[in-house]
Protein backbone atom coordinates (compact mmCIF):
# COMPACT_ATOMS: atom_id res chain seq x y z
CA UNK A 1 9.96 -20.84 27.60
CA UNK A 2 8.43 -17.48 28.95
CA UNK A 3 7.85 -16.90 32.55
CA UNK A 4 4.04 -15.78 33.19
CA UNK A 5 3.00 -14.21 36.87
CA UNK A 6 -0.52 -13.87 37.34
CA UNK A 7 -1.31 -11.38 40.17
CA UNK A 8 -4.97 -10.95 41.30
CA UNK A 9 -6.93 -11.36 44.59
CA UNK A 10 -10.07 -13.04 42.81
CA UNK A 11 -9.32 -16.81 42.38
CA UNK A 12 -11.92 -16.89 39.51
CA UNK A 13 -9.79 -14.18 37.47
CA UNK A 14 -6.61 -16.08 38.18
CA UNK A 15 -8.03 -19.65 36.76
CA UNK A 16 -9.50 -17.48 33.79
CA UNK A 17 -5.85 -16.02 32.73
CA UNK A 18 -4.23 -19.18 33.55
CA UNK A 19 -6.60 -20.97 31.23
CA UNK A 20 -6.53 -18.61 28.31
CA UNK A 21 -2.74 -18.80 28.49
CA UNK A 22 -2.46 -22.39 28.46
CA UNK A 23 -5.00 -22.88 25.47
CA UNK A 24 -3.40 -20.98 23.39
CA UNK A 25 0.41 -20.66 24.40
CA UNK A 26 0.55 -24.22 25.45
CA UNK A 27 3.88 -25.67 27.02
CA UNK A 28 5.75 -22.24 25.95
CA UNK A 29 4.77 -20.60 29.14
CA UNK A 30 5.36 -21.31 32.92
CA UNK A 31 2.97 -19.79 35.33
CA UNK A 32 2.90 -18.96 38.77
CA UNK A 33 0.15 -16.92 40.79
CA UNK A 34 -0.26 -14.43 43.48
CA UNK A 35 -2.93 -12.69 45.22
CA UNK A 36 -1.56 -9.88 47.28
CA UNK A 37 0.82 -7.23 46.90
CA UNK A 38 3.54 -8.65 49.41
CA UNK A 39 2.85 -12.12 47.83
CA UNK A 40 3.48 -11.03 44.19
CA UNK A 41 6.74 -8.75 45.27
CA UNK A 42 8.05 -11.92 46.91
CA UNK A 43 7.11 -14.09 43.91
CA UNK A 44 8.68 -11.71 41.62
CA UNK A 45 12.04 -11.85 43.37
CA UNK A 46 12.51 -15.83 43.20
CA UNK A 47 10.51 -16.46 39.96
CA UNK A 48 11.88 -13.21 38.08
CA UNK A 49 8.94 -13.25 35.66
CA UNK A 50 9.17 -12.14 32.02
CA UNK A 51 5.38 -10.98 31.85
CA UNK A 52 3.50 -10.01 34.81
CA UNK A 53 -0.69 -9.70 34.68
CA UNK A 54 -1.15 -7.13 37.44
CA UNK A 55 -4.30 -6.28 39.09
CA UNK A 56 -4.19 -2.69 40.75
CA UNK A 57 -6.35 -3.20 43.87
CA UNK A 58 -5.16 -5.96 45.80
CA UNK A 59 -5.14 -6.51 49.73
CA UNK A 60 -2.09 -4.78 51.61
CA UNK A 61 0.15 -3.43 48.81
CA UNK A 62 -1.58 -2.46 45.78
CA UNK A 63 -0.69 -3.16 42.42
CA UNK A 64 0.81 0.35 41.61
CA UNK A 65 3.38 -0.07 44.27
CA UNK A 66 4.06 -3.63 43.72
CA UNK A 67 5.24 -2.78 40.40
CA UNK A 68 7.61 -0.20 41.69
CA UNK A 69 9.08 -2.63 44.07
CA UNK A 70 9.58 -5.49 41.24
CA UNK A 71 10.85 -3.12 38.74
CA UNK A 72 13.82 -2.40 41.23
CA UNK A 73 15.28 -5.98 40.60
CA UNK A 74 13.42 -7.04 37.41
CA UNK A 75 14.03 -4.24 35.09
CA UNK A 76 12.76 -6.21 31.80
CA UNK A 77 9.83 -7.47 33.24
CA UNK A 78 6.83 -6.67 31.00
CA UNK A 79 3.70 -5.53 32.72
CA UNK A 80 -0.05 -5.87 31.68
CA UNK A 81 -2.59 -4.27 34.20
CA UNK A 82 -6.02 -5.70 34.55
CA UNK A 83 -8.43 -3.89 36.38
CA UNK A 84 -11.71 -2.45 36.60
CA UNK A 85 -13.21 0.44 34.91
CA UNK A 86 -13.59 3.10 37.97
CA UNK A 87 -9.64 2.55 38.49
CA UNK A 88 -8.88 4.72 35.78
CA UNK A 89 -6.47 7.25 37.90
CA UNK A 90 -4.59 4.28 38.75
CA UNK A 91 -4.43 3.22 35.17
CA UNK A 92 -2.93 6.58 34.04
CA UNK A 93 0.01 5.91 36.59
CA UNK A 94 0.42 2.46 35.65
CA UNK A 95 1.17 3.59 32.03
CA UNK A 96 3.77 6.01 33.44
CA UNK A 97 5.61 3.03 35.07
CA UNK A 98 5.92 1.61 31.36
CA UNK A 99 3.23 -0.98 31.29
CA UNK A 100 2.60 -2.04 27.68
CA UNK A 101 -1.12 -2.74 27.98
CA UNK A 102 -4.30 -1.60 30.00
CA UNK A 103 -7.17 -4.48 29.84
CA UNK A 104 -10.35 -3.82 31.46
CA UNK A 105 -12.52 -6.22 33.63
CA UNK A 106 -14.11 -8.52 32.77
CA UNK A 107 -11.31 -10.11 30.55
CA UNK A 108 -11.94 -11.13 27.21
CA UNK A 109 -10.10 -14.15 25.52
CA UNK A 110 -9.44 -12.33 22.43
CA UNK A 111 -7.93 -9.39 24.40
CA UNK A 112 -5.56 -11.41 26.41
CA UNK A 113 -4.39 -13.63 23.56
CA UNK A 114 -3.70 -10.24 21.79
CA UNK A 115 -1.74 -8.63 24.18
CA UNK A 116 0.27 -11.91 24.88
CA UNK A 117 1.44 -12.16 21.37
CA UNK A 118 2.50 -8.25 21.60
CA UNK A 119 4.19 -9.36 24.76
CA UNK A 120 5.87 -12.15 23.45
CA UNK A 121 6.95 -10.47 20.22
CA UNK A 122 8.59 -7.81 22.54
CA UNK A 123 10.61 -10.37 24.41
CA UNK A 124 11.57 -12.46 21.48
CA UNK A 125 12.84 -9.24 19.81
CA UNK A 126 14.88 -8.08 23.07
CA UNK A 127 16.05 -11.23 23.55
CA UNK A 128 17.30 -11.56 19.92
CA UNK A 129 19.17 -8.16 20.31
CA UNK A 130 20.65 -9.21 23.52
CA UNK A 131 21.89 -12.54 21.85
CA UNK A 132 23.26 -10.15 19.10
CA UNK A 133 24.69 -7.91 21.30
CA UNK A 134 26.60 -10.79 23.40
CA UNK A 135 27.66 -12.45 20.10
CA UNK A 136 29.12 -8.67 19.11
CA UNK A 137 30.71 -8.56 22.82
CA UNK A 138 31.98 -12.11 22.28
CA UNK A 139 33.73 -11.37 18.95
CA UNK A 140 35.22 -8.01 20.22
CA UNK A 141 36.66 -10.12 23.15
CA UNK A 142 38.57 -11.66 20.36
CA UNK A 143 39.36 -8.75 17.75
CA UNK A 144 39.97 -5.76 20.23
CA UNK A 145 43.47 -7.69 21.70
CA UNK A 146 44.19 -8.04 18.15
CA UNK A 147 43.63 -4.57 17.16
CA UNK A 148 45.49 -3.29 20.42
CA UNK A 149 48.45 -5.46 19.94
CA UNK A 150 48.82 -4.07 16.18
CA UNK A 151 48.55 -0.58 17.42
CA UNK A 152 51.38 -1.32 20.00
CA UNK A 153 53.40 -3.00 17.44
CA UNK A 154 53.00 0.11 14.98
CA UNK A 155 54.01 2.82 17.76
CA UNK A 156 56.98 0.64 18.95
CA UNK A 157 58.47 -0.62 15.55
CA UNK A 158 56.69 1.12 12.46
CA UNK A 159 56.69 4.63 13.89
CA UNK A 160 57.29 6.04 9.93
CA UNK A 161 54.04 4.82 9.28
CA UNK A 162 52.11 7.33 10.92
CA UNK A 163 48.78 6.59 8.64
CA UNK A 164 48.72 3.12 10.25
CA UNK A 165 48.88 4.43 13.80
CA UNK A 166 45.96 6.83 12.92
CA UNK A 167 44.07 3.91 11.40
CA UNK A 168 44.60 1.69 14.93
CA UNK A 169 43.73 5.16 16.97
CA UNK A 170 40.43 5.46 15.20
CA UNK A 171 39.62 1.63 15.48
CA UNK A 172 40.38 2.03 19.13
CA UNK A 173 38.36 5.51 19.51
CA UNK A 174 41.34 7.23 20.76
CA UNK A 175 41.79 9.49 17.75
CA UNK A 176 41.46 12.72 20.19
CA UNK A 177 44.33 11.85 22.33
CA UNK A 178 47.63 13.31 20.70
CA UNK A 179 49.96 12.32 23.83
CA UNK A 180 50.34 9.09 26.26
CA UNK A 181 53.01 7.40 28.19
CA UNK A 182 54.23 3.97 27.95
CA UNK A 183 54.37 1.32 30.68
CA UNK A 184 56.71 -1.83 30.43
CA UNK A 185 55.85 -4.92 32.50
CA UNK A 186 58.51 -7.43 32.86
CA UNK A 187 58.39 -10.53 34.53
CA UNK A 188 60.24 -13.66 35.59
CA UNK A 189 60.69 -16.32 38.36
CA UNK A 190 62.53 -13.89 40.70
CA UNK A 191 64.13 -10.50 40.67
CA UNK A 192 68.17 -10.49 40.90
CA UNK A 193 69.35 -6.99 41.18
CA UNK A 194 67.66 -5.35 38.15
CA UNK A 195 66.78 -8.11 35.83
CA UNK A 196 64.45 -10.98 36.12
CA UNK A 197 65.51 -14.74 35.95
CA UNK A 198 63.97 -17.40 33.60
CA UNK A 199 62.76 -14.74 31.61
CA UNK A 200 61.84 -17.16 28.58
CA UNK A 201 60.07 -19.66 31.15
CA UNK A 202 58.11 -17.16 32.40
CA UNK A 203 56.85 -15.57 29.30
CA UNK A 204 55.68 -18.97 28.15
CA UNK A 205 53.82 -19.64 31.50
CA UNK A 206 52.43 -16.29 31.34
CA UNK A 207 50.76 -17.05 27.63
CA UNK A 208 48.27 -19.22 29.70
CA UNK A 209 47.08 -16.40 31.96
CA UNK A 210 47.17 -13.55 29.52
CA UNK A 211 43.37 -12.86 29.01
CA UNK A 212 43.39 -13.00 32.90
CA UNK A 213 46.61 -10.77 33.16
CA UNK A 214 45.12 -8.36 30.58
CA UNK A 215 41.60 -7.68 32.17
CA UNK A 216 43.59 -6.87 35.38
CA UNK A 217 46.05 -4.50 33.82
CA UNK A 218 42.95 -2.63 32.29
CA UNK A 219 41.27 -2.46 35.78
CA UNK A 220 44.05 -0.32 37.05
CA UNK A 221 45.20 1.30 33.49
CA UNK A 222 42.47 1.12 31.04
CA UNK A 223 44.66 1.94 28.16
CA UNK A 224 46.03 -0.44 25.06
CA UNK A 225 47.57 -3.54 26.23
CA UNK A 226 50.07 -5.39 23.81
CA UNK A 227 50.80 -8.98 23.48
CA UNK A 228 53.31 -10.80 25.86
CA UNK A 229 56.74 -10.31 23.85
CA UNK A 230 59.30 -12.42 25.68
CA UNK A 231 59.16 -11.57 29.02
CA UNK A 232 57.46 -8.19 28.52
CA UNK A 233 53.72 -6.38 28.28
CA UNK A 234 53.84 -3.20 26.78
CA UNK A 235 50.98 -0.90 27.50
CA UNK A 236 49.97 2.68 26.18
CA UNK A 237 48.18 5.05 28.44
CA UNK A 238 46.42 8.06 26.14
CA UNK A 239 46.09 10.99 28.02
CA UNK A 240 45.41 14.94 27.21
CA UNK A 241 48.04 16.31 29.36
CA UNK A 242 51.74 16.92 27.99
CA UNK A 243 53.02 16.00 31.41
CA UNK A 244 52.22 15.08 35.06
CA UNK A 245 52.64 17.15 37.85
CA UNK A 246 54.05 15.33 41.19
CA UNK A 247 50.67 14.45 42.66
CA UNK A 248 49.98 12.49 39.21
CA UNK A 249 53.12 10.57 39.13
CA UNK A 250 52.74 9.26 42.53
CA UNK A 251 49.30 8.45 41.95
CA UNK A 252 50.58 6.48 38.72
CA UNK A 253 53.23 4.84 40.66
CA UNK A 254 51.07 3.76 43.75
CA UNK A 255 48.56 2.06 41.60
CA UNK A 256 51.47 0.50 39.49
CA UNK A 257 52.56 -1.12 42.88
CA UNK A 258 49.11 -2.54 43.85
CA UNK A 259 48.87 -3.77 40.16
CA UNK A 260 52.59 -5.61 40.55
CA UNK A 261 51.14 -7.41 43.60
CA UNK A 262 47.93 -8.41 42.16
CA UNK A 263 49.62 -9.92 39.30
CA UNK A 264 51.95 -11.65 41.20
CA UNK A 265 49.27 -13.22 43.14
CA UNK A 266 47.33 -14.11 39.97
CA UNK A 267 50.24 -15.74 37.78
CA UNK A 268 52.57 -16.72 40.81
CA UNK A 269 55.29 -14.70 38.64
CA UNK A 270 57.42 -11.82 39.92
CA UNK A 271 56.40 -8.37 37.99
CA UNK A 272 58.15 -5.11 37.78
CA UNK A 273 56.65 -2.02 36.28
CA UNK A 274 58.53 0.55 34.27
CA UNK A 275 56.60 4.01 33.50
CA UNK A 276 57.90 6.50 30.66
CA UNK A 277 56.94 10.04 30.49
CA UNK A 278 54.42 11.49 28.44
CA UNK A 279 55.44 11.77 24.45
CA UNK A 280 53.17 12.34 21.44
CA UNK A 281 52.08 9.27 20.00
CA UNK A 282 54.62 9.18 17.39
CA UNK A 283 57.22 9.02 19.97
CA UNK A 284 55.94 6.36 22.05
CA UNK A 285 58.92 4.30 21.38
CA UNK A 286 60.84 6.97 23.61
CA UNK A 287 58.66 6.56 26.45
CA UNK A 288 58.93 2.94 26.19
CA UNK A 289 62.56 3.10 26.30
CA UNK A 290 62.70 5.33 28.96
CA UNK A 291 60.43 2.67 30.93
CA UNK A 292 62.55 0.04 30.26
CA UNK A 293 65.98 2.07 31.00
CA UNK A 294 64.33 3.09 34.38
CA UNK A 295 63.86 -0.60 35.15
CA UNK A 296 67.43 -0.98 34.42
CA UNK A 297 68.60 1.76 36.56
CA UNK A 298 66.64 0.79 39.53
CA UNK A 299 66.02 -2.46 41.72
CA UNK A 300 62.58 -1.51 42.72
CA UNK A 301 59.22 -3.49 41.51
CA UNK A 302 57.84 -0.09 40.13
CA UNK A 303 60.09 2.81 38.84
CA UNK A 304 59.20 5.83 36.83
CA UNK A 305 61.67 7.45 34.48
CA UNK A 306 61.41 10.74 36.12
CA UNK A 307 62.97 9.40 39.22
CA UNK A 308 65.93 8.31 37.36
CA UNK A 309 66.84 11.16 35.13
CA UNK A 310 69.35 10.05 32.32
CA UNK A 311 68.41 12.01 29.46
CA UNK A 312 69.06 15.88 28.51
CA UNK A 313 67.13 18.49 30.25
CA UNK A 314 66.32 21.75 28.59
CA UNK A 315 65.69 25.22 29.71
CA UNK A 316 61.85 25.96 29.86
CA UNK A 317 62.15 28.35 26.71
CA UNK A 318 63.94 25.68 24.73
CA UNK A 319 61.99 24.82 21.60
CA UNK A 320 62.84 21.09 21.68
CA UNK A 321 59.97 20.02 19.66
CA UNK A 322 60.84 22.28 16.74
CA UNK A 323 64.55 20.62 16.87
CA UNK A 324 63.21 17.14 16.75
CA UNK A 325 60.86 18.13 13.85
CA UNK A 326 63.93 20.09 11.99
CA UNK A 327 65.83 16.66 12.18
CA UNK A 328 62.93 14.43 11.07
CA UNK A 329 62.58 16.28 8.24
CA UNK A 330 65.92 15.90 7.32
CA UNK A 331 65.94 12.24 7.75
CA UNK A 332 63.00 12.29 5.17
CA UNK A 333 64.64 14.14 2.96
CA UNK A 334 62.14 16.72 3.07
CA UNK A 335 63.66 20.04 1.41
CA UNK A 336 60.60 22.59 2.01
CA UNK A 337 59.98 21.58 5.58
CA UNK A 338 63.90 21.35 6.18
CA UNK A 339 63.98 24.98 5.12
CA UNK A 340 60.93 26.37 7.18
CA UNK A 341 62.13 24.64 10.21
CA UNK A 342 65.78 25.99 9.80
CA UNK A 343 64.13 29.60 9.41
CA UNK A 344 62.09 29.48 12.10
CA UNK A 345 64.79 27.93 14.79
CA UNK A 346 67.25 30.79 13.62
CA UNK A 347 64.36 33.11 13.92
CA UNK A 348 64.09 31.55 17.60
CA UNK A 349 67.62 32.12 18.50
CA UNK A 350 67.73 35.78 17.15
CA UNK A 351 64.84 37.09 19.24
CA UNK A 352 66.22 35.28 22.30
CA UNK A 353 69.68 35.53 22.20
CA UNK A 354 70.36 38.03 19.56
CA UNK A 355 73.44 39.34 21.35
CA UNK A 356 75.24 36.34 21.76
CA UNK A 357 76.49 35.91 18.43
CA UNK A 358 79.36 33.47 19.65
CA UNK A 359 76.87 31.01 21.01
CA UNK A 360 74.88 31.47 17.87
CA UNK A 361 77.36 30.66 15.72
CA UNK A 362 78.47 27.33 18.08
CA UNK A 363 74.68 26.20 17.91
CA UNK A 364 74.86 26.72 13.94
CA UNK A 365 77.79 24.57 13.84
CA UNK A 366 76.55 21.81 16.27
CA UNK A 367 73.03 21.67 14.08
CA UNK A 368 75.19 21.38 10.77
CA UNK A 369 77.38 18.75 12.09
CA UNK A 370 74.56 16.65 13.44
CA UNK A 371 72.63 17.06 9.90
CA UNK A 372 75.48 15.79 8.16
CA UNK A 373 75.80 12.87 10.58
CA UNK A 374 72.13 11.86 9.93
CA UNK A 375 72.86 12.33 5.96
CA UNK A 376 75.88 10.05 6.37
CA UNK A 377 73.89 7.60 8.55
CA UNK A 378 70.96 7.59 5.61
CA UNK A 379 73.53 7.06 2.90
CA UNK A 380 73.33 10.53 1.25
CA UNK A 381 76.94 11.42 1.63
CA UNK A 382 80.24 10.14 1.59
CA UNK A 383 82.33 10.70 4.84
CA UNK A 384 85.90 12.45 4.43
CA UNK A 385 87.84 13.22 7.37
CA UNK A 386 89.06 16.68 5.72
CA UNK A 387 85.89 17.72 4.18
CA UNK A 388 84.98 20.20 6.96
CA UNK A 389 88.50 21.81 7.24
CA UNK A 390 86.98 25.15 6.26
CA UNK A 391 83.60 25.13 8.67
CA UNK A 392 85.43 27.07 11.38
CA UNK A 393 87.26 29.44 9.88
CA UNK A 394 84.40 30.42 7.17
CA UNK A 395 82.02 30.52 9.95
CA UNK A 396 84.07 32.72 12.13
CA UNK A 397 84.80 35.11 9.20
CA UNK A 398 80.90 35.86 9.41
CA UNK A 399 80.60 38.73 11.32
CA UNK A 400 76.64 39.55 11.22
CA UNK A 401 73.69 37.31 12.01
CA UNK A 402 72.72 37.52 8.49
CA UNK A 403 76.02 35.82 6.95
CA UNK A 404 75.89 33.20 9.85
CA UNK A 405 72.15 32.76 8.88
CA UNK A 406 73.05 32.26 5.31
CA UNK A 407 76.01 29.76 6.21
CA UNK A 408 73.31 27.91 8.36
CA UNK A 409 70.56 27.74 6.11
CA UNK A 410 72.86 26.43 3.13
CA UNK A 411 74.66 23.57 5.10
CA UNK A 412 71.34 22.36 6.58
CA UNK A 413 69.60 22.35 2.61
CA UNK A 414 72.52 20.74 1.69
CA UNK A 415 72.57 17.56 3.95
CA UNK A 416 68.62 17.43 3.49
CA UNK A 417 69.42 17.51 -0.34
CA UNK A 418 72.08 15.03 -0.17
CA UNK A 419 69.57 12.53 1.74
CA UNK A 420 66.83 13.08 -0.70
CA UNK A 421 69.53 12.66 -3.59
CA UNK A 422 70.93 9.76 -2.42
CA UNK A 423 67.72 7.90 -2.25
CA UNK A 424 67.08 8.72 -5.89
CA UNK A 425 70.44 8.04 -6.87
CA UNK A 426 70.54 4.48 -5.34
CA UNK A 427 67.36 3.94 -7.15
CA UNK A 428 68.54 4.98 -10.72
CA UNK A 429 71.67 2.99 -9.79
CA UNK A 430 69.85 -0.27 -9.18
CA UNK A 431 67.89 0.36 -12.46
CA UNK A 432 70.51 1.47 -14.60
CA UNK A 433 72.54 -2.02 -13.20
CA UNK A 434 69.12 -4.15 -14.01
CA UNK A 435 69.22 -2.53 -17.24
CA UNK A 436 72.64 -3.17 -18.32
CA UNK A 437 72.12 -6.83 -17.08
CA UNK A 438 68.81 -7.30 -19.13
CA UNK A 439 70.93 -5.56 -22.40
CA UNK A 440 73.56 -7.95 -22.03
CA UNK A 441 71.34 -11.27 -21.13
CA UNK A 442 68.29 -10.65 -22.98
CA UNK A 443 68.88 -13.64 -25.58
CA UNK A 444 68.77 -16.09 -22.69
CA UNK A 445 65.55 -17.11 -20.69
CA UNK A 446 65.94 -14.48 -17.89
CA UNK A 447 63.54 -13.70 -15.31
CA UNK A 448 62.49 -10.78 -13.04
CA UNK A 449 63.79 -13.07 -9.91
CA UNK A 450 67.05 -13.52 -11.84
CA UNK A 451 67.66 -9.84 -12.41
CA UNK A 452 66.41 -8.78 -8.73
CA UNK A 453 69.06 -11.23 -7.63
CA UNK A 454 71.52 -9.83 -9.72
CA UNK A 455 70.68 -6.18 -8.25
CA UNK A 456 70.65 -7.54 -4.74
CA UNK A 457 66.81 -6.47 -3.85
CA UNK A 458 63.80 -8.15 -3.42
CA UNK A 459 61.73 -9.36 -6.35
CA UNK A 460 58.54 -7.51 -5.39
CA UNK A 461 60.35 -4.44 -4.54
CA UNK A 462 62.45 -4.55 -7.74
CA UNK A 463 59.27 -4.72 -10.14
CA UNK A 464 57.71 -1.78 -8.10
CA UNK A 465 60.85 -0.01 -8.55
CA UNK A 466 61.56 -0.80 -12.28
CA UNK A 467 57.83 0.54 -12.91
CA UNK A 468 58.48 3.87 -11.15
CA UNK A 469 61.59 4.66 -12.44
CA UNK A 470 61.25 3.35 -16.41
CA UNK A 471 57.12 3.72 -16.70
CA UNK A 472 56.93 -0.09 -17.83
CA UNK A 473 57.10 -3.41 -16.19
CA UNK A 474 59.67 -6.04 -16.30
CA UNK A 475 58.52 -7.79 -19.13
CA UNK A 476 57.68 -4.81 -21.08
CA UNK A 477 60.78 -3.50 -21.10
CA UNK A 478 62.66 -7.12 -21.87
CA UNK A 479 59.97 -7.51 -24.89
CA UNK A 480 61.20 -3.99 -26.17
CA UNK A 481 64.72 -5.06 -26.24
CA UNK A 482 64.00 -8.26 -27.89
CA UNK A 483 61.66 -6.85 -30.63
CA UNK A 484 64.08 -3.94 -31.21
CA UNK A 485 66.96 -6.69 -31.68
CA UNK A 486 64.70 -9.07 -34.05
CA UNK A 487 63.90 -5.79 -36.30
CA UNK A 488 67.73 -5.16 -36.53
CA UNK A 489 68.55 -8.84 -37.69
CA UNK A 490 65.32 -8.81 -40.01
CA UNK A 491 66.45 -5.83 -41.66
CA UNK A 492 69.77 -7.54 -43.07
CA UNK A 493 67.65 -9.39 -45.27
CA UNK A 494 67.50 -13.40 -45.81
CA UNK A 495 70.97 -14.02 -44.50
CA UNK A 496 69.35 -15.37 -41.27
CA UNK A 497 66.85 -17.67 -40.75
CA UNK A 498 63.65 -16.71 -39.00
CA UNK A 499 64.44 -19.71 -36.32
CA UNK A 500 67.94 -18.11 -35.80
CA UNK A 501 66.49 -14.57 -35.35
CA UNK A 502 64.02 -16.12 -33.09
CA UNK A 503 66.68 -17.66 -30.73
CA UNK A 504 68.92 -14.56 -31.02
CA UNK A 505 66.14 -12.66 -29.32
CA UNK A 506 65.32 -15.01 -26.33
CA UNK A 507 62.49 -16.96 -27.89
CA UNK A 508 62.63 -20.72 -28.02
CA UNK A 509 59.29 -20.87 -29.95
CA UNK A 510 59.18 -19.45 -33.41
CA UNK A 511 55.16 -19.46 -33.13
CA UNK A 512 55.34 -17.63 -30.11
CA UNK A 513 58.03 -15.13 -31.35
CA UNK A 514 55.61 -14.38 -34.32
CA UNK A 515 52.67 -13.68 -32.36
CA UNK A 516 54.79 -11.56 -29.76
CA UNK A 517 56.41 -9.59 -32.68
CA UNK A 518 52.98 -8.97 -34.57
CA UNK A 519 51.32 -7.76 -31.34
CA UNK A 520 54.30 -5.55 -30.70
CA UNK A 521 55.02 -4.42 -34.11
CA UNK A 522 51.40 -4.88 -36.02
CA UNK A 523 53.04 -7.15 -38.45
CA UNK A 524 54.72 -10.69 -38.69
CA UNK A 525 58.43 -11.07 -38.87
CA UNK A 526 58.11 -12.45 -42.22
CA UNK A 527 55.68 -9.19 -43.66
CA UNK A 528 58.15 -6.80 -41.65
CA UNK A 529 61.01 -8.31 -43.67
CA UNK A 530 59.20 -7.98 -46.81
CA UNK A 531 58.50 -4.33 -46.31
CA UNK A 532 62.05 -3.66 -45.57
CA UNK A 533 63.58 -5.51 -48.32
CA UNK A 534 60.94 -3.90 -50.91
């Protein structure tokens, strides 16, 4: 249905337009008419026409001024001007208003039909576009929360998979942001001291209000909102700043207080909000833990980690990011990265505190012990209580910075090497154990699942690891062992029957054994034996 408004001070023109439109477009059009500028403005406010045929020269407010007023409240109305020949100046102004067609009087049926078809096509196109846009928006309303929850999960629980986080950032349009802070929104039936009562029940009830709660949170903090986890909702707020000043922090706290009040009114549940400090995205978990810890340390409805300082504070010039990067590289077994970071850190110490040799010694010892602890925890080293007996005397014997640097770099590289080496050794150990088992049991009907259970790793991981370490998949390796045994038995002459050889190599079906043997060796077992015995 298309709403058509006809505006002209001549009744005969209105009747003619109505007749032409009804004759050619029938029941698809709802038509209303007006004869004055004021009348057409009032009609448009009530009728909201899709198409308006406008005469320029009408009593009172002229057609140009009327269109200007109508356009204020009806931005999608299509205007068609119908006027006399001598109103060319008006026509130019009408076209500037976005009129789609200018028709001269006296009107012709062909011209009216043609312009109506043009207008209807434009309306249909715009309606289809709006419908598509609404459909896309509706789909996004369902998809975006899933993507946002995936991002929150990625930064809180899969921080080692940076490519996943980068993909989520791109999908959410926040790839330009390197920093952000976390908010922990917790809820319960009531607050007792610093914890919430009936957390599980409140979490279940909140699920019914999640969409409204999510929209309310975003109206105050337009960031990334996660799903309900028990009685908590994690929110990530991306930002370009590396830290907030006092005024910015107070503003965040005040907005959070108002949000907590609004959330309680919306869901009839008590809310508390903890706010972490600004961190790089890869360290969002640190900010989230700060937010949770701040709630534990305070009994207020809203608390910021800066108001409950618990962690270590560093001097302004201390390279905390370099220190973090160094230990991250050690934990990954990144030897080249470790060496580069160790060099940079020692350079920083000598440039800033070169005259404090004893303090540099202590810092080197501290870092080495921390690095080895990381190696122990990753399985890279075996701890022996007396393994560090010579550390202090050896380090104290170094009389200059060059000697201290050499000791420091060597010990840090050793820790990193042990992390990297242990992972490789662990993989090799698993594969060696698997090979031994296969070599001992190949004559039985063994499977990948059975071998993976024997070495105590999942079948999927074992299959992947076996391929990486041996260059063969499990079946290829097992077949190679069985065929080698078959060749050995066949070379012994006719003492052993073909059926016995087949069973001795782990095959139950002689025909299947023959096919596998020929596929692998290029000959049947019989041909192979005859060739050996000639």
